[in-house]
Amino acid sequence: MSITERSKEPEPTREKVAVEYRDHAAIRVCDDELWELNVGQNAVQSGRQAGRDRIAPVRRRSQWRPDPSAVEEAHRQFEREREAKAKRLAQMGRIVIHSTGAGWNRGSPAIPRKAGR
């Protein structure tokens, strides 16, 4: 067959191409004009599997998470202790804040340095 000869098969019509395209799409239009996933498509199946794979570790780790009510109770207890400490500090006439820097033992006159350092 030469290059200039045409194939004996007729070319597909635009309607036929459109139908085939729609059949292989991940989303299809229903009879009531709503869209739905074409669950037979590989893209939809792999997307669903990827979603399951992402959710599975979260569900496995959920047993280690504390109960939300316990977290809330711990937060309330922290706030009560914070308020009690603030009241105690407010009643004090003076507050002495003592702080040591990161290099508190280097060159401090209170701690003599060893010879050779």
N, C-alpha and C. Protein backbone atom coordinates (compact mmCIF):
# COMPACT_ATOMS: atom_id res chain seq x y z
N MET A 1 0.85 -1.16 0.00
CA MET A 1 0.00 0.00 0.00
C MET A 1 0.90 1.23 0.00
N SER A 2 0.59 2.15 -0.87
CA SER A 2 1.40 3.35 -0.95
C SER A 2 0.94 4.37 0.08
N ILE A 3 1.76 5.35 0.27
CA ILE A 3 1.48 6.37 1.26
C ILE A 3 0.25 7.18 0.87
N THR A 4 0.03 7.33 -0.41
CA THR A 4 -1.09 8.17 -0.86
C THR A 4 -2.42 7.45 -0.80
N GLU A 5 -2.40 6.13 -0.66
CA GLU A 5 -3.68 5.41 -0.59
C GLU A 5 -4.32 5.63 0.78
N ARG A 6 -5.62 5.77 0.77
CA ARG A 6 -6.35 5.94 2.01
C ARG A 6 -6.77 4.58 2.55
N SER A 7 -6.92 4.55 3.84
CA SER A 7 -7.37 3.32 4.47
C SER A 7 -8.81 3.05 4.07
N LYS A 8 -9.15 1.81 4.01
CA LYS A 8 -10.52 1.44 3.63
C LYS A 8 -11.52 1.68 4.78
N GLU A 9 -11.00 1.81 5.99
CA GLU A 9 -11.90 2.06 7.12
C GLU A 9 -12.36 3.51 7.09
N PRO A 10 -13.64 3.75 7.34
CA PRO A 10 -14.11 5.13 7.36
C PRO A 10 -13.60 5.83 8.62
N GLU A 11 -13.38 7.13 8.49
CA GLU A 11 -12.94 7.90 9.65
C GLU A 11 -14.08 8.02 10.64
N PRO A 12 -13.78 7.97 11.93
CA PRO A 12 -14.85 8.08 12.91
C PRO A 12 -15.47 9.48 12.88
N THR A 13 -16.75 9.50 13.13
CA THR A 13 -17.44 10.79 13.14
C THR A 13 -17.14 11.51 14.46
N ARG A 14 -17.43 12.80 14.45
CA ARG A 14 -17.19 13.58 15.66
C ARG A 14 -18.04 13.07 16.81
N GLU A 15 -19.25 12.65 16.53
CA GLU A 15 -20.14 12.15 17.58
C GLU A 15 -19.57 10.88 18.20
N LYS A 16 -19.04 10.00 17.34
CA LYS A 16 -18.48 8.74 17.83
C LYS A 16 -17.24 9.00 18.69
N VAL A 17 -16.42 9.94 18.27
CA VAL A 17 -15.23 10.29 19.04
C VAL A 17 -15.63 10.89 20.39
N ALA A 18 -16.65 11.75 20.37
CA ALA A 18 -17.11 12.37 21.61
C ALA A 18 -17.68 11.32 22.57
N VAL A 19 -18.41 10.36 22.07
CA VAL A 19 -18.97 9.30 22.92
C VAL A 19 -17.85 8.47 23.52
N GLU A 20 -16.86 8.11 22.70
CA GLU A 20 -15.74 7.32 23.22
C GLU A 20 -14.96 8.12 24.26
N TYR A 21 -14.78 9.40 24.04
CA TYR A 21 -14.07 10.25 24.99
C TYR A 21 -14.83 10.29 26.31
N ARG A 22 -16.14 10.47 26.22
CA ARG A 22 -16.96 10.50 27.43
C ARG A 22 -16.94 9.16 28.16
N ASP A 23 -16.91 8.07 27.43
CA ASP A 23 -16.88 6.75 28.06
C ASP A 23 -15.59 6.52 28.83
N HIS A 24 -14.51 7.13 28.40
CA HIS A 24 -13.22 6.93 29.05
C HIS A 24 -12.87 8.05 30.03
N ALA A 25 -13.77 8.98 30.24
CA ALA A 25 -13.51 10.09 31.16
C ALA A 25 -13.73 9.64 32.60
N ALA A 26 -13.09 10.33 33.54
CA ALA A 26 -13.23 9.99 34.95
C ALA A 26 -14.55 10.49 35.53
N ILE A 27 -15.17 11.46 34.86
CA ILE A 27 -16.46 12.01 35.29
C ILE A 27 -17.44 11.83 34.15
N ARG A 28 -18.64 11.42 34.50
CA ARG A 28 -19.66 11.27 33.46
C ARG A 28 -20.91 12.03 33.86
N VAL A 29 -21.67 12.40 32.86
CA VAL A 29 -22.91 13.14 33.08
C VAL A 29 -24.05 12.13 33.09
N CYS A 30 -24.86 12.18 34.13
CA CYS A 30 -25.99 11.26 34.26
C CYS A 30 -27.17 11.76 33.42
N ASP A 31 -28.21 10.95 33.37
CA ASP A 31 -29.40 11.33 32.61
C ASP A 31 -30.09 12.56 33.19
N ASP A 32 -29.95 12.79 34.50
CA ASP A 32 -30.58 13.95 35.13
C ASP A 32 -29.65 15.18 35.13
N GLU A 33 -28.62 15.16 34.27
CA GLU A 33 -27.69 16.26 34.07
C GLU A 33 -26.74 16.49 35.26
N LEU A 34 -26.71 15.59 36.24
CA LEU A 34 -25.76 15.69 37.34
C LEU A 34 -24.50 14.91 36.97
N TRP A 35 -23.40 15.26 37.57
CA TRP A 35 -22.14 14.58 37.30
C TRP A 35 -21.88 13.55 38.38
N GLU A 36 -21.17 12.49 38.00
CA GLU A 36 -20.74 11.49 38.97
C GLU A 36 -19.42 10.91 38.52
N LEU A 37 -18.71 10.31 39.46
CA LEU A 37 -17.44 9.69 39.13
C LEU A 37 -17.68 8.39 38.36
N ASN A 38 -16.87 8.16 37.38
CA ASN A 38 -16.92 6.91 36.64
C ASN A 38 -16.02 5.92 37.38
N VAL A 39 -16.62 5.14 38.27
CA VAL A 39 -15.84 4.31 39.19
C VAL A 39 -15.02 3.25 38.50
N GLY A 40 -15.27 2.97 37.25
CA GLY A 40 -14.49 1.97 36.53
C GLY A 40 -13.16 2.48 36.01
N GLN A 41 -12.96 3.78 36.06
CA GLN A 41 -11.73 4.36 35.51
C GLN A 41 -10.55 4.17 36.47
N ASN A 42 -9.38 3.96 35.90
CA ASN A 42 -8.17 3.77 36.70
C ASN A 42 -7.85 5.00 37.53
N ALA A 43 -8.06 6.18 36.98
CA ALA A 43 -7.75 7.41 37.72
C ALA A 43 -8.61 7.52 38.97
N VAL A 44 -9.87 7.16 38.87
CA VAL A 44 -10.77 7.23 40.02
C VAL A 44 -10.38 6.17 41.04
N GLN A 45 -10.10 4.96 40.58
CA GLN A 45 -9.72 3.88 41.50
C GLN A 45 -8.41 4.19 42.21
N SER A 46 -7.42 4.70 41.48
CA SER A 46 -6.14 5.00 42.11
C SER A 46 -6.28 6.19 43.06
N GLY A 47 -7.12 7.16 42.72
CA GLY A 47 -7.36 8.29 43.61
C GLY A 47 -8.02 7.84 44.91
N ARG A 48 -8.99 6.95 44.81
CA ARG A 48 -9.64 6.44 46.01
C ARG A 48 -8.66 5.64 46.87
N GLN A 49 -7.82 4.84 46.22
CA GLN A 49 -6.84 4.06 46.97
C GLN A 49 -5.83 4.98 47.65
N ALA A 50 -5.41 6.04 46.96
CA ALA A 50 -4.48 7.00 47.57
C ALA A 50 -5.12 7.66 48.78
N GLY A 51 -6.39 7.98 48.69
CA GLY A 51 -7.10 8.56 49.84
C GLY A 51 -7.14 7.58 51.01
N ARG A 52 -7.44 6.33 50.73
CA ARG A 52 -7.45 5.31 51.79
C ARG A 52 -6.07 5.16 52.42
N ASP A 53 -5.03 5.20 51.58
CA ASP A 53 -3.66 5.06 52.09
C ASP A 53 -3.28 6.23 52.98
N ARG A 54 -3.80 7.42 52.70
CA ARG A 54 -3.49 8.60 53.53
C ARG A 54 -4.28 8.57 54.85
N ILE A 55 -5.47 8.01 54.83
CA ILE A 55 -6.33 8.00 56.01
C ILE A 55 -5.94 6.88 56.97
N ALA A 56 -5.45 5.77 56.47
CA ALA A 56 -5.14 4.61 57.32
C ALA A 56 -4.16 4.93 58.45
N PRO A 57 -3.03 5.61 58.21
CA PRO A 57 -2.13 5.91 59.33
C PRO A 57 -2.76 6.84 60.37
N VAL A 58 -3.59 7.75 59.92
CA VAL A 58 -4.26 8.67 60.85
C VAL A 58 -5.18 7.87 61.77
N ARG A 59 -5.89 6.93 61.21
CA ARG A 59 -6.78 6.11 62.03
C ARG A 59 -5.99 5.22 62.98
N ARG A 60 -4.85 4.69 62.52
CA ARG A 60 -4.03 3.86 63.39
C ARG A 60 -3.47 4.67 64.56
N ARG A 61 -3.08 5.91 64.29
CA ARG A 61 -2.50 6.75 65.34
C ARG A 61 -3.55 7.35 66.26
N SER A 62 -4.81 7.26 65.91
CA SER A 62 -5.85 7.88 66.73
C SER A 62 -5.93 7.25 68.11
N GLN A 63 -5.52 6.00 68.25
CA GLN A 63 -5.56 5.36 69.56
C GLN A 63 -4.56 5.98 70.52
N TRP A 64 -3.52 6.63 70.01
CA TRP A 64 -2.50 7.23 70.86
C TRP A 64 -2.83 8.66 71.24
N ARG A 65 -3.78 9.26 70.53
CA ARG A 65 -4.15 10.63 70.85
C ARG A 65 -4.95 10.67 72.13
N PRO A 66 -4.73 11.69 72.96
CA PRO A 66 -5.51 11.77 74.19
C PRO A 66 -6.96 12.14 73.90
N ASP A 67 -7.79 11.80 74.84
CA ASP A 67 -9.21 12.12 74.74
C ASP A 67 -9.37 13.64 74.76
N PRO A 68 -10.18 14.21 73.87
CA PRO A 68 -10.34 15.68 73.85
C PRO A 68 -10.81 16.25 75.19
N SER A 69 -11.63 15.52 75.91
CA SER A 69 -12.08 16.03 77.21
C SER A 69 -10.92 16.08 78.20
N ALA A 70 -9.98 15.12 78.11
CA ALA A 70 -8.81 15.13 78.98
C ALA A 70 -7.91 16.32 78.64
N VAL A 71 -7.78 16.61 77.36
CA VAL A 71 -6.97 17.76 76.95
C VAL A 71 -7.59 19.05 77.46
N GLU A 72 -8.89 19.16 77.34
CA GLU A 72 -9.60 20.36 77.82
C GLU A 72 -9.45 20.51 79.33
N GLU A 73 -9.55 19.41 80.06
CA GLU A 73 -9.40 19.47 81.52
C GLU A 73 -7.99 19.88 81.90
N ALA A 74 -6.98 19.36 81.21
CA ALA A 74 -5.59 19.74 81.48
C ALA A 74 -5.38 21.22 81.20
N HIS A 75 -6.01 21.73 80.16
CA HIS A 75 -5.90 23.15 79.83
C HIS A 75 -6.55 24.01 80.92
N ARG A 76 -7.72 23.57 81.39
CA ARG A 76 -8.38 24.32 82.47
C ARG A 76 -7.53 24.31 83.74
N GLN A 77 -6.91 23.16 84.05
CA GLN A 77 -6.05 23.08 85.23
C GLN A 77 -4.85 24.01 85.09
N PHE A 78 -4.26 24.06 83.91
CA PHE A 78 -3.13 24.96 83.66
C PHE A 78 -3.55 26.41 83.87
N GLU A 79 -4.71 26.78 83.35
CA GLU A 79 -5.20 28.15 83.50
C GLU A 79 -5.46 28.48 84.97
N ARG A 80 -6.00 27.52 85.74
CA ARG A 80 -6.23 27.77 87.17
C ARG A 80 -4.91 28.00 87.90
N GLU A 81 -3.92 27.17 87.61
CA GLU A 81 -2.60 27.34 88.24
C GLU A 81 -1.96 28.66 87.82
N ARG A 82 -2.13 29.04 86.58
CA ARG A 82 -1.58 30.30 86.08
C ARG A 82 -2.20 31.50 86.80
N GLU A 83 -3.51 31.46 86.95
CA GLU A 83 -4.19 32.55 87.64
C GLU A 83 -3.79 32.60 89.11
N ALA A 84 -3.64 31.45 89.76
CA ALA A 84 -3.22 31.42 91.16
C ALA A 84 -1.82 32.00 91.31
N LYS A 85 -0.93 31.66 90.39
CA LYS A 85 0.44 32.19 90.45
C LYS A 85 0.43 33.70 90.21
N ALA A 86 -0.40 34.17 89.30
CA ALA A 86 -0.48 35.61 89.03
C ALA A 86 -0.99 36.36 90.26
N LYS A 87 -1.97 35.78 90.95
CA LYS A 87 -2.48 36.43 92.18
C LYS A 87 -1.39 36.47 93.25
N ARG A 88 -0.65 35.37 93.40
CA ARG A 88 0.42 35.32 94.40
C ARG A 88 1.50 36.35 94.08
N LEU A 89 1.88 36.48 92.79
CA LEU A 89 2.89 37.45 92.40
C LEU A 89 2.39 38.89 92.57
N ALA A 90 1.09 39.10 92.35
CA ALA A 90 0.53 40.45 92.49
C ALA A 90 0.54 40.90 93.96
N GLN A 91 0.48 39.95 94.89
CA GLN A 91 0.48 40.30 96.30
C GLN A 91 1.88 40.61 96.82
N MET A 92 2.89 40.18 96.10
CA MET A 92 4.27 40.42 96.56
C MET A 92 4.66 41.87 96.32
N GLY A 93 5.43 42.40 97.27
CA GLY A 93 5.89 43.77 97.13
C GLY A 93 7.06 43.89 96.17
N ARG A 94 7.94 42.90 96.18
CA ARG A 94 9.10 42.91 95.30
C ARG A 94 9.28 41.53 94.70
N ILE A 95 9.83 41.55 93.53
CA ILE A 95 10.14 40.29 92.87
C ILE A 95 11.59 40.38 92.42
N VAL A 96 12.39 39.41 92.82
CA VAL A 96 13.79 39.37 92.39
C VAL A 96 13.89 38.30 91.31
N ILE A 97 14.33 38.72 90.17
CA ILE A 97 14.49 37.79 89.07
C ILE A 97 15.98 37.54 88.90
N HIS A 98 16.36 36.29 89.03
CA HIS A 98 17.76 35.93 88.89
C HIS A 98 17.89 35.10 87.62
N SER A 99 18.80 35.49 86.79
CA SER A 99 18.97 34.79 85.53
C SER A 99 20.44 34.55 85.31
N THR A 100 20.74 33.42 84.69
CA THR A 100 22.12 33.13 84.32
C THR A 100 22.16 32.99 82.81
N GLY A 101 23.19 33.53 82.22
CA GLY A 101 23.32 33.45 80.78
C GLY A 101 23.80 32.07 80.34
N ALA A 102 23.95 31.92 79.06
CA ALA A 102 24.37 30.63 78.52
C ALA A 102 25.78 30.28 78.96
N GLY A 103 26.65 31.28 79.13
CA GLY A 103 28.03 31.02 79.52
C GLY A 103 28.28 31.41 80.96
N TRP A 104 27.42 31.02 81.88
CA TRP A 104 27.50 31.47 83.27
C TRP A 104 28.78 31.03 83.97
N ASN A 105 29.38 29.92 83.56
CA ASN A 105 30.58 29.46 84.25
C ASN A 105 31.86 29.86 83.55
N ARG A 106 31.77 30.62 82.49
CA ARG A 106 32.96 31.03 81.76
C ARG A 106 33.36 32.43 82.19
N GLY A 107 34.43 32.54 82.91
CA GLY A 107 34.92 33.84 83.30
C GLY A 107 34.18 34.46 84.46
N SER A 108 33.33 33.68 85.12
CA SER A 108 32.61 34.22 86.26
C SER A 108 33.57 34.33 87.44
N PRO A 109 33.55 35.45 88.18
CA PRO A 109 34.46 35.58 89.32
C PRO A 109 34.13 34.59 90.43
N ALA A 110 32.89 34.10 90.46
CA ALA A 110 32.52 33.16 91.51
C ALA A 110 33.11 31.77 91.25
N ILE A 111 33.38 31.46 90.02
CA ILE A 111 33.96 30.16 89.68
C ILE A 111 35.33 30.40 89.07
N PRO A 112 36.39 30.08 89.79
CA PRO A 112 37.73 30.33 89.24
C PRO A 112 38.02 29.42 88.08
N ARG A 113 38.74 29.93 87.14
CA ARG A 113 39.12 29.15 85.96
C ARG A 113 40.36 28.37 86.27
N LYS A 114 40.46 27.22 85.65
CA LYS A 114 41.65 26.39 85.83
C LYS A 114 42.77 27.00 85.00
N ALA A 115 43.97 26.78 85.46
CA ALA A 115 45.13 27.30 84.74
C ALA A 115 45.26 26.59 83.40
N GLY A 116 45.63 27.31 82.41
CA GLY A 116 45.83 26.73 81.08
C GLY A 116 44.60 26.81 80.19
N ARG A 117 43.52 27.31 80.68
CA ARG A 117 42.32 27.44 79.82
C ARG A 117 42.20 28.80 79.27
